[in-house]
Amino acid sequence: MSKTKLILVGGFLAAGKTTMLNAIAGRLTGRGYTVGLITNDQAADLVDTAILTCTGVEVREVSGSCFCCNFPGFMKSVQSLIDAGCDLIVSEPVGSCTDLSATILQPVKDQFPDLDLAPLTVLVDPVRLKEALELVPCLTHPDALYIVKRQLEEADRILLNKADTLSPAQIEEELALLKEHFDAPAAAVSALKGTAVDAWLDDILSGGSAGAHIAEVDYDRYAHGEAVLGWLNAAIDLSGAADTDWNAFAEALLAKLRDSFRADRAEIGHVKLSLTCGDRVVLGNVGAIGAPVNMRGDSGVKGASAVMTLNARVQMPPEALQKAVEATLPETAASFGVAAAIRNLKCLMPGRPNPTYRYQTVV
């Protein structure tokens, strides 16, 4: 019997990891694999899980801690998917997580040799790359950008995502920067459009070293880079008239939140939502205070009630983030004649990373 394939797809907040997992679930199923996906966050009510559940494949969520700080929980999810018949598992770590080679890949190779571990892939946003290399001015805290650089340093494969937003000359420039500063082979892709995704899958499914690099990580800077971000997850019940336009509501809410954070000069890691009305789903996100709101999912969604999951990672104290959301939500709801009831809300500052294992050498 062939080994179960395990793929980790890392990258900073808003790099496009969930979009990539959404893009490849169907592709891998079409190649004959029985696919499982694992999401990860510091708290429950995760938009990523709601999005990926719509792919129709098996999905597990590790919430309350990152994979590295809860290695047994991560492996429990892996085993659960194997027991469900999955022979290929794709995992999406927390966006602010790094040191995956030392804390996840090496322990897997050492302790679970029956798993076929694919090369560690890290996605990077073109703008965030230039910020991390200090080539453009930005509001992102240097310690958050420190995490971006460590992620790229430990990668076995680097994907410059969102290539559909770049000209050929810009793609060439960004790939040259990756080649100059990092060791891993890099390619330009668009998870949203599907450009070059199959070529990447062909590469990592054909073999290659997994966890070939262990980065040197200053855990004080790493911890502070996570802690500069407030993290908010909320589940919200919405009720309105029978013809309430939920697409317009979701887009307006994201725009108002972005504008609120922009006024405070609080850079966005990501703000994303999933809104369900009956069997239809509205998806939206914004990845920076200077970025547009991106809407996906079903269009023309109308109805008297909906359920929304909202996630926000913003460079501000958790208390300020919660206050901003609790002010913007009812304001937006009132403008649409909607009542919004927060069923569950958790806002936090991530604690210091404390990995279950940290291997010093490559297995």
Protein backbone atom coordinates (compact mmCIF):
# COMPACT_ATOMS: atom_id res chain seq x y z
CA MET A 1 0.00 0.00 0.00
CA SER A 2 1.35 3.46 -0.90
CA LYS A 3 2.06 5.97 1.83
CA THR A 4 -0.30 8.81 2.66
CA LYS A 5 1.02 12.06 1.15
CA LEU A 6 1.23 15.05 3.52
CA ILE A 7 1.62 18.56 2.09
CA LEU A 8 2.13 21.72 4.17
CA VAL A 9 1.36 25.07 2.55
CA GLY A 10 2.63 27.98 4.64
CA GLY A 11 2.83 31.72 4.18
CA PHE A 12 1.98 34.95 5.97
CA LEU A 13 -1.53 36.29 6.49
CA ALA A 14 -3.26 37.17 3.19
CA ALA A 15 -0.68 35.32 1.09
CA GLY A 16 -3.49 33.23 -0.41
CA LYS A 17 -3.13 29.87 1.36
CA THR A 18 -6.85 29.19 1.70
CA THR A 19 -7.44 30.21 -1.92
CA MET A 20 -4.70 27.77 -2.92
CA LEU A 21 -6.18 24.90 -0.89
CA ASN A 22 -9.56 25.67 -2.40
CA ALA A 23 -8.00 25.62 -5.88
CA ILE A 24 -6.17 22.33 -5.49
CA ALA A 25 -8.80 20.25 -3.69
CA GLY A 26 -10.69 19.59 -6.91
CA ARG A 27 -7.52 19.22 -8.95
CA LEU A 28 -6.17 16.54 -6.63
CA THR A 29 -9.49 14.73 -6.51
CA GLY A 30 -9.45 14.75 -10.31
CA ARG A 31 -6.05 13.09 -10.21
CA GLY A 32 -7.55 10.18 -8.30
CA TYR A 33 -6.60 11.15 -4.72
CA THR A 34 -8.94 11.03 -1.75
CA VAL A 35 -8.16 14.44 -0.29
CA GLY A 36 -8.27 15.78 3.26
CA LEU A 37 -7.60 19.34 4.42
CA ILE A 38 -6.48 20.68 7.80
CA THR A 39 -6.93 24.31 8.87
CA ASN A 40 -5.34 25.98 11.87
CA ASP A 41 -5.99 29.01 14.05
CA GLN A 42 -5.61 30.43 17.52
CA ALA A 43 -9.39 30.28 18.11
CA ALA A 44 -12.54 28.58 16.82
CA ASP A 45 -14.99 30.09 14.27
CA LEU A 46 -12.52 30.06 11.40
CA VAL A 47 -13.58 31.37 7.99
CA ASP A 48 -11.01 29.12 6.28
CA THR A 49 -12.76 26.02 7.59
CA ALA A 50 -16.13 27.28 6.35
CA ILE A 51 -14.67 28.02 2.91
CA LEU A 52 -12.87 24.71 2.52
CA THR A 53 -15.82 22.66 3.76
CA CYS A 54 -17.59 23.83 0.59
CA THR A 55 -15.03 21.89 -1.50
CA GLY A 56 -16.78 18.66 -0.54
CA VAL A 57 -13.62 16.99 0.78
CA GLU A 58 -12.93 15.99 4.38
CA VAL A 59 -11.81 18.97 6.52
CA ARG A 60 -10.37 19.06 10.03
CA GLU A 61 -9.56 22.12 12.15
CA VAL A 62 -6.88 22.51 14.82
CA SER A 63 -7.96 25.57 16.82
CA GLY A 64 -6.69 27.16 20.00
CA SER A 65 -3.01 26.79 19.11
CA CYS A 66 -0.71 26.54 16.12
CA PHE A 67 0.37 23.15 14.71
CA CYS A 68 3.85 23.45 16.20
CA CYS A 69 2.59 24.17 19.73
CA ASN A 70 0.09 21.31 19.51
CA PHE A 71 1.90 18.66 17.50
CA PRO A 72 -0.22 15.84 19.01
CA GLY A 73 -3.38 17.69 17.99
CA PHE A 74 -2.05 18.15 14.47
CA MET A 75 -1.18 14.46 14.17
CA LYS A 76 -4.57 13.49 15.61
CA SER A 77 -6.19 15.39 12.72
CA VAL A 78 -3.85 13.71 10.24
CA GLN A 79 -4.78 10.28 11.62
CA SER A 80 -8.47 11.16 11.58
CA LEU A 81 -8.25 11.93 7.86
CA ILE A 82 -6.31 8.73 7.19
CA ASP A 83 -9.01 6.80 9.05
CA ALA A 84 -11.58 8.54 6.83
CA GLY A 85 -9.81 7.09 3.78
CA CYS A 86 -7.73 10.09 2.71
CA ASP A 87 -4.49 9.26 0.90
CA LEU A 88 -3.45 12.90 0.39
CA ILE A 89 -3.64 15.53 3.15
CA VAL A 90 -2.98 19.24 2.70
CA SER A 91 -2.41 21.36 5.82
CA GLU A 92 -2.57 25.14 6.17
CA PRO A 93 -0.68 26.46 9.23
CA VAL A 94 -1.52 29.73 10.99
CA GLY A 95 -0.38 32.64 8.81
CA SER A 96 1.90 34.09 11.47
CA CYS A 97 3.58 30.74 12.13
CA THR A 98 7.17 29.97 11.16
CA ASP A 99 9.89 27.46 12.12
CA LEU A 100 7.73 24.71 10.60
CA SER A 101 10.72 22.75 9.35
CA ALA A 102 12.14 22.33 12.86
CA THR A 103 8.84 21.88 14.69
CA ILE A 104 6.63 19.96 12.24
CA LEU A 105 8.54 18.50 9.30
CA GLN A 106 11.49 17.04 11.23
CA PRO A 107 9.27 15.43 13.93
CA VAL A 108 7.03 13.95 11.22
CA LYS A 109 10.02 12.50 9.37
CA ASP A 110 11.47 11.14 12.60
CA GLN A 111 8.34 9.82 14.32
CA PHE A 112 5.97 9.01 11.43
CA PRO A 113 8.08 7.48 8.65
CA ASP A 114 4.97 5.95 7.05
CA LEU A 115 3.90 9.44 5.92
CA ASP A 116 5.20 10.68 2.57
CA LEU A 117 6.08 14.29 3.33
CA ALA A 118 6.11 16.70 0.39
CA PRO A 119 8.52 19.66 0.12
CA LEU A 120 7.42 22.57 2.34
CA THR A 121 5.76 25.20 0.16
CA VAL A 122 5.53 28.84 1.27
CA LEU A 123 3.33 31.36 -0.50
CA VAL A 124 4.29 35.03 -0.53
CA ASP A 125 2.32 38.12 -1.50
CA PRO A 126 4.26 40.37 -3.95
CA VAL A 127 3.78 43.50 -1.85
CA ARG A 128 4.66 41.73 1.41
CA LEU A 129 7.87 40.43 -0.13
CA LYS A 130 9.07 43.95 -0.90
CA GLU A 131 8.04 45.08 2.58
CA ALA A 132 10.02 42.24 4.19
CA LEU A 133 13.09 43.13 2.13
CA GLU A 134 12.69 46.80 3.15
CA LEU A 135 12.30 47.94 -0.45
CA VAL A 136 9.06 49.88 0.07
CA PRO A 137 7.72 51.95 2.99
CA CYS A 138 4.98 50.27 5.02
CA LEU A 139 3.10 50.27 8.31
CA THR A 140 3.71 46.57 8.98
CA HIS A 141 5.77 46.11 12.14
CA PRO A 142 9.39 44.97 11.49
CA ASP A 143 8.91 41.94 13.77
CA ALA A 144 5.90 40.80 11.74
CA LEU A 145 8.01 41.11 8.60
CA TYR A 146 10.73 39.14 10.42
CA ILE A 147 8.29 36.22 10.40
CA VAL A 148 7.78 36.60 6.64
CA LYS A 149 11.53 36.34 6.03
CA ARG A 150 11.93 33.31 8.30
CA GLN A 151 9.07 31.56 6.47
CA LEU A 152 10.85 32.08 3.15
CA GLU A 153 14.22 31.02 4.55
CA GLU A 154 12.92 27.60 5.64
CA ALA A 155 10.89 26.90 2.49
CA ASP A 156 11.64 24.01 0.13
CA ARG A 157 9.52 25.70 -2.55
CA ILE A 158 8.43 29.34 -2.79
CA LEU A 159 5.34 30.43 -4.70
CA LEU A 160 5.01 34.09 -5.65
CA ASN A 161 1.23 34.22 -5.51
CA LYS A 162 -1.20 36.69 -7.11
CA ALA A 163 0.75 36.71 -10.37
CA ASP A 164 -2.49 37.78 -12.06
CA THR A 165 -2.06 41.21 -10.42
CA LEU A 166 1.46 41.70 -11.86
CA SER A 167 2.89 42.53 -15.27
CA PRO A 168 5.48 40.16 -16.81
CA ALA A 169 8.22 42.66 -15.90
CA GLN A 170 7.03 42.81 -12.28
CA ILE A 171 6.94 39.01 -12.06
CA GLU A 172 10.49 38.85 -13.37
CA GLU A 173 11.62 41.46 -10.84
CA GLU A 174 10.01 39.67 -7.87
CA LEU A 175 11.37 36.27 -8.88
CA ALA A 176 14.84 37.81 -9.16
CA LEU A 177 14.47 39.14 -5.60
CA LEU A 178 13.49 35.70 -4.34
CA LYS A 179 16.46 34.11 -6.11
CA GLU A 180 18.82 36.73 -4.68
CA HIS A 181 17.69 36.47 -1.06
CA PHE A 182 16.45 32.89 -0.57
CA ASP A 183 17.67 29.39 -1.44
CA ALA A 184 14.45 27.61 -2.42
CA PRO A 185 13.30 27.36 -6.06
CA ALA A 186 10.59 29.96 -6.74
CA ALA A 187 7.76 30.15 -9.26
CA ALA A 188 4.99 32.63 -9.98
CA VAL A 189 1.40 31.37 -9.65
CA SER A 190 -2.14 32.62 -9.27
CA ALA A 191 -4.14 30.52 -6.85
CA LEU A 192 -7.24 32.54 -7.75
CA LYS A 193 -6.92 32.06 -11.52
CA GLY A 194 -5.21 28.65 -11.38
CA THR A 195 -2.15 29.83 -13.32
CA ALA A 196 0.84 27.46 -12.94
CA VAL A 197 -0.86 25.60 -10.05
CA ASP A 198 -0.73 22.24 -11.84
CA ALA A 199 2.99 22.65 -12.56
CA TRP A 200 3.63 23.21 -8.85
CA LEU A 201 1.55 20.14 -7.95
CA ASP A 202 3.47 18.03 -10.49
CA ASP A 203 6.70 19.16 -8.83
CA ILE A 204 5.85 18.46 -5.18
CA LEU A 205 4.00 15.23 -5.91
CA SER A 206 6.98 13.82 -7.79
CA GLY A 207 9.20 13.85 -4.71
CA GLY A 208 12.02 16.07 -3.49
CA SER A 209 13.47 16.83 -0.06
CA ALA A 210 11.06 17.94 2.65
CA GLY A 211 12.36 20.16 5.42
CA ALA A 212 15.79 20.54 3.86
CA HIS A 213 16.37 23.83 5.71
CA ILE A 214 16.07 24.79 9.37
CA ALA A 215 16.04 28.55 9.83
CA GLU A 216 17.61 30.33 12.77
CA VAL A 217 14.68 31.87 14.64
CA ASP A 218 14.84 34.48 17.39
CA TYR A 219 11.79 33.45 19.42
CA ASP A 220 11.62 36.85 21.15
CA ARG A 221 11.18 38.60 17.79
CA TYR A 222 8.92 35.82 16.55
CA ALA A 223 6.66 36.11 19.61
CA HIS A 224 6.50 39.89 19.34
CA GLY A 225 5.79 39.69 15.61
CA GLU A 226 2.68 37.66 16.39
CA ALA A 227 1.74 39.76 19.42
CA VAL A 228 1.61 43.07 17.50
CA LEU A 229 -1.55 41.70 15.86
CA GLY A 230 -4.95 41.55 17.47
CA TRP A 231 -6.84 38.38 16.47
CA LEU A 232 -10.64 38.36 16.34
CA ASN A 233 -12.97 35.47 15.44
CA ALA A 234 -16.73 35.97 15.63
CA ALA A 235 -19.93 34.10 14.75
CA ILE A 236 -22.83 36.44 14.03
CA ASP A 237 -26.55 35.86 13.39
CA LEU A 238 -28.13 38.30 10.93
CA SER A 239 -31.80 38.99 10.25
CA GLY A 240 -33.42 41.41 7.83
CA ALA A 241 -36.13 41.69 5.20
CA ALA A 242 -36.84 38.91 2.74
CA ASP A 243 -35.00 40.81 -0.01
CA THR A 244 -31.90 41.77 2.01
CA ASP A 245 -28.90 41.87 -0.33
CA TRP A 246 -26.26 39.90 1.60
CA ASN A 247 -23.55 40.40 -1.03
CA ALA A 248 -23.85 44.17 -0.69
CA PHE A 249 -23.98 43.93 3.10
CA ALA A 250 -20.82 41.82 3.29
CA GLU A 251 -18.92 44.07 0.91
CA ALA A 252 -19.99 47.20 2.79
CA LEU A 253 -18.97 45.71 6.14
CA LEU A 254 -15.49 44.81 4.89
CA ALA A 255 -15.02 48.25 3.34
CA LYS A 256 -16.11 50.03 6.53
CA LEU A 257 -13.79 47.89 8.65
CA ARG A 258 -10.88 48.54 6.28
CA ASP A 259 -11.55 52.29 6.35
CA SER A 260 -11.74 52.25 10.15
CA PHE A 261 -8.37 50.53 10.42
CA ARG A 262 -6.90 52.84 7.79
CA ALA A 263 -7.99 55.86 9.85
CA ASP A 264 -6.11 54.38 12.81
CA ARG A 265 -3.07 53.55 10.60
CA ALA A 266 -3.46 49.96 11.82
CA GLU A 267 -2.22 47.65 9.07
CA ILE A 268 -4.38 44.67 8.22
CA GLY A 269 -3.01 41.14 8.22
CA HIS A 270 -6.34 40.00 6.86
CA VAL A 271 -10.05 40.54 7.40
CA LYS A 272 -12.25 37.84 5.91
CA LEU A 273 -15.81 36.64 6.22
CA SER A 274 -18.08 33.80 5.20
CA LEU A 275 -21.83 34.52 5.12
CA THR A 276 -24.32 31.70 4.64
CA CYS A 277 -27.95 32.22 3.61
CA GLY A 278 -29.73 28.92 3.10
CA ASP A 279 -27.48 26.84 0.86
CA ARG A 280 -25.70 29.86 -0.65
CA VAL A 281 -22.42 31.35 0.55
CA VAL A 282 -20.93 34.82 0.22
CA LEU A 283 -17.16 35.11 0.72
CA GLY A 284 -15.09 38.27 1.08
CA ASN A 285 -11.72 39.47 2.26
CA VAL A 286 -9.36 42.43 2.39
CA GLY A 287 -5.62 41.96 2.86
CA ALA A 288 -4.25 45.46 3.63
CA ILE A 289 -5.54 48.91 4.50
CA GLY A 290 -4.67 50.05 0.99
CA ALA A 291 -6.20 47.03 -0.74
CA PRO A 292 -9.60 46.61 -2.38
CA VAL A 293 -12.33 44.41 -0.98
CA ASN A 294 -12.41 41.06 -2.81
CA MET A 295 -15.76 39.31 -3.05
CA ARG A 296 -16.26 35.70 -4.12
CA GLY A 297 -18.72 32.89 -3.68
CA ASP A 298 -22.35 33.07 -4.81
CA SER A 299 -23.83 36.23 -6.28
CA GLY A 300 -27.35 37.61 -5.91
CA VAL A 301 -27.78 36.15 -2.42
CA LYS A 302 -30.97 37.48 -0.81
CA GLY A 303 -33.04 36.31 2.13
CA ALA A 304 -34.42 37.19 5.54
CA SER A 305 -31.62 35.68 7.61
CA ALA A 306 -27.97 34.68 7.41
CA VAL A 307 -25.12 33.44 9.55
CA MET A 308 -21.71 35.08 9.27
CA THR A 309 -18.25 34.10 10.44
CA LEU A 310 -15.83 37.03 10.66
CA ASN A 311 -12.06 36.83 11.18
CA ALA A 312 -9.78 39.85 11.58
CA ARG A 313 -6.00 40.02 12.10
CA VAL A 314 -5.05 43.66 12.53
CA GLN A 315 -1.98 45.44 13.89
CA MET A 316 -3.63 46.89 16.99
CA PRO A 317 -4.38 45.79 20.58
CA PRO A 318 -7.16 43.18 20.85
CA GLU A 319 -9.32 45.56 22.88
CA ALA A 320 -9.15 48.21 20.15
CA LEU A 321 -9.88 45.64 17.45
CA GLN A 322 -12.93 44.33 19.28
CA LYS A 323 -14.17 47.88 19.86
CA ALA A 324 -13.80 48.69 16.15
CA VAL A 325 -15.74 45.60 15.09
CA GLU A 326 -18.45 46.12 17.70
CA ALA A 327 -18.91 49.71 16.46
CA THR A 328 -18.78 49.00 12.72
CA LEU A 329 -21.02 45.93 12.66
CA PRO A 330 -24.23 47.53 14.02
CA GLU A 331 -23.61 50.69 12.00
CA THR A 332 -23.40 48.70 8.77
CA ALA A 333 -26.32 46.49 9.79
CA ALA A 334 -28.54 49.50 10.49
CA SER A 335 -27.85 50.95 7.05
CA PHE A 336 -29.27 47.73 5.53
CA GLY A 337 -32.16 47.39 7.99
CA VAL A 338 -30.49 44.33 9.46
CA ALA A 339 -30.26 43.15 13.08
CA ALA A 340 -26.87 41.66 14.01
CA ALA A 341 -26.50 39.45 17.08
CA ILE A 342 -23.00 38.30 18.02
CA ARG A 343 -23.33 34.67 19.07
CA ASN A 344 -19.67 34.13 19.85
CA LEU A 345 -16.68 36.45 19.80
CA LYS A 346 -13.09 35.88 20.84
CA CYS A 347 -10.43 38.55 20.57
CA LEU A 348 -6.90 37.84 21.70
CA MET A 349 -3.21 38.46 21.42
CA PRO A 350 -1.34 35.24 20.58
CA GLY A 351 0.83 33.85 23.35
CA ARG A 352 4.51 33.09 22.99
CA PRO A 353 5.16 30.11 20.67
CA ASN A 354 6.12 27.05 22.69
CA PRO A 355 6.59 24.17 20.24
CA THR A 356 6.06 20.58 21.34
CA TYR A 357 9.30 19.65 19.56
CA ARG A 358 12.06 21.68 17.99
CA TYR A 359 14.66 19.65 16.13
CA GLN A 360 18.08 21.25 15.73
CA THR A 361 19.19 19.23 12.71
CA VAL A 362 17.57 17.95 9.52
CA VAL A 363 16.32 14.36 9.80
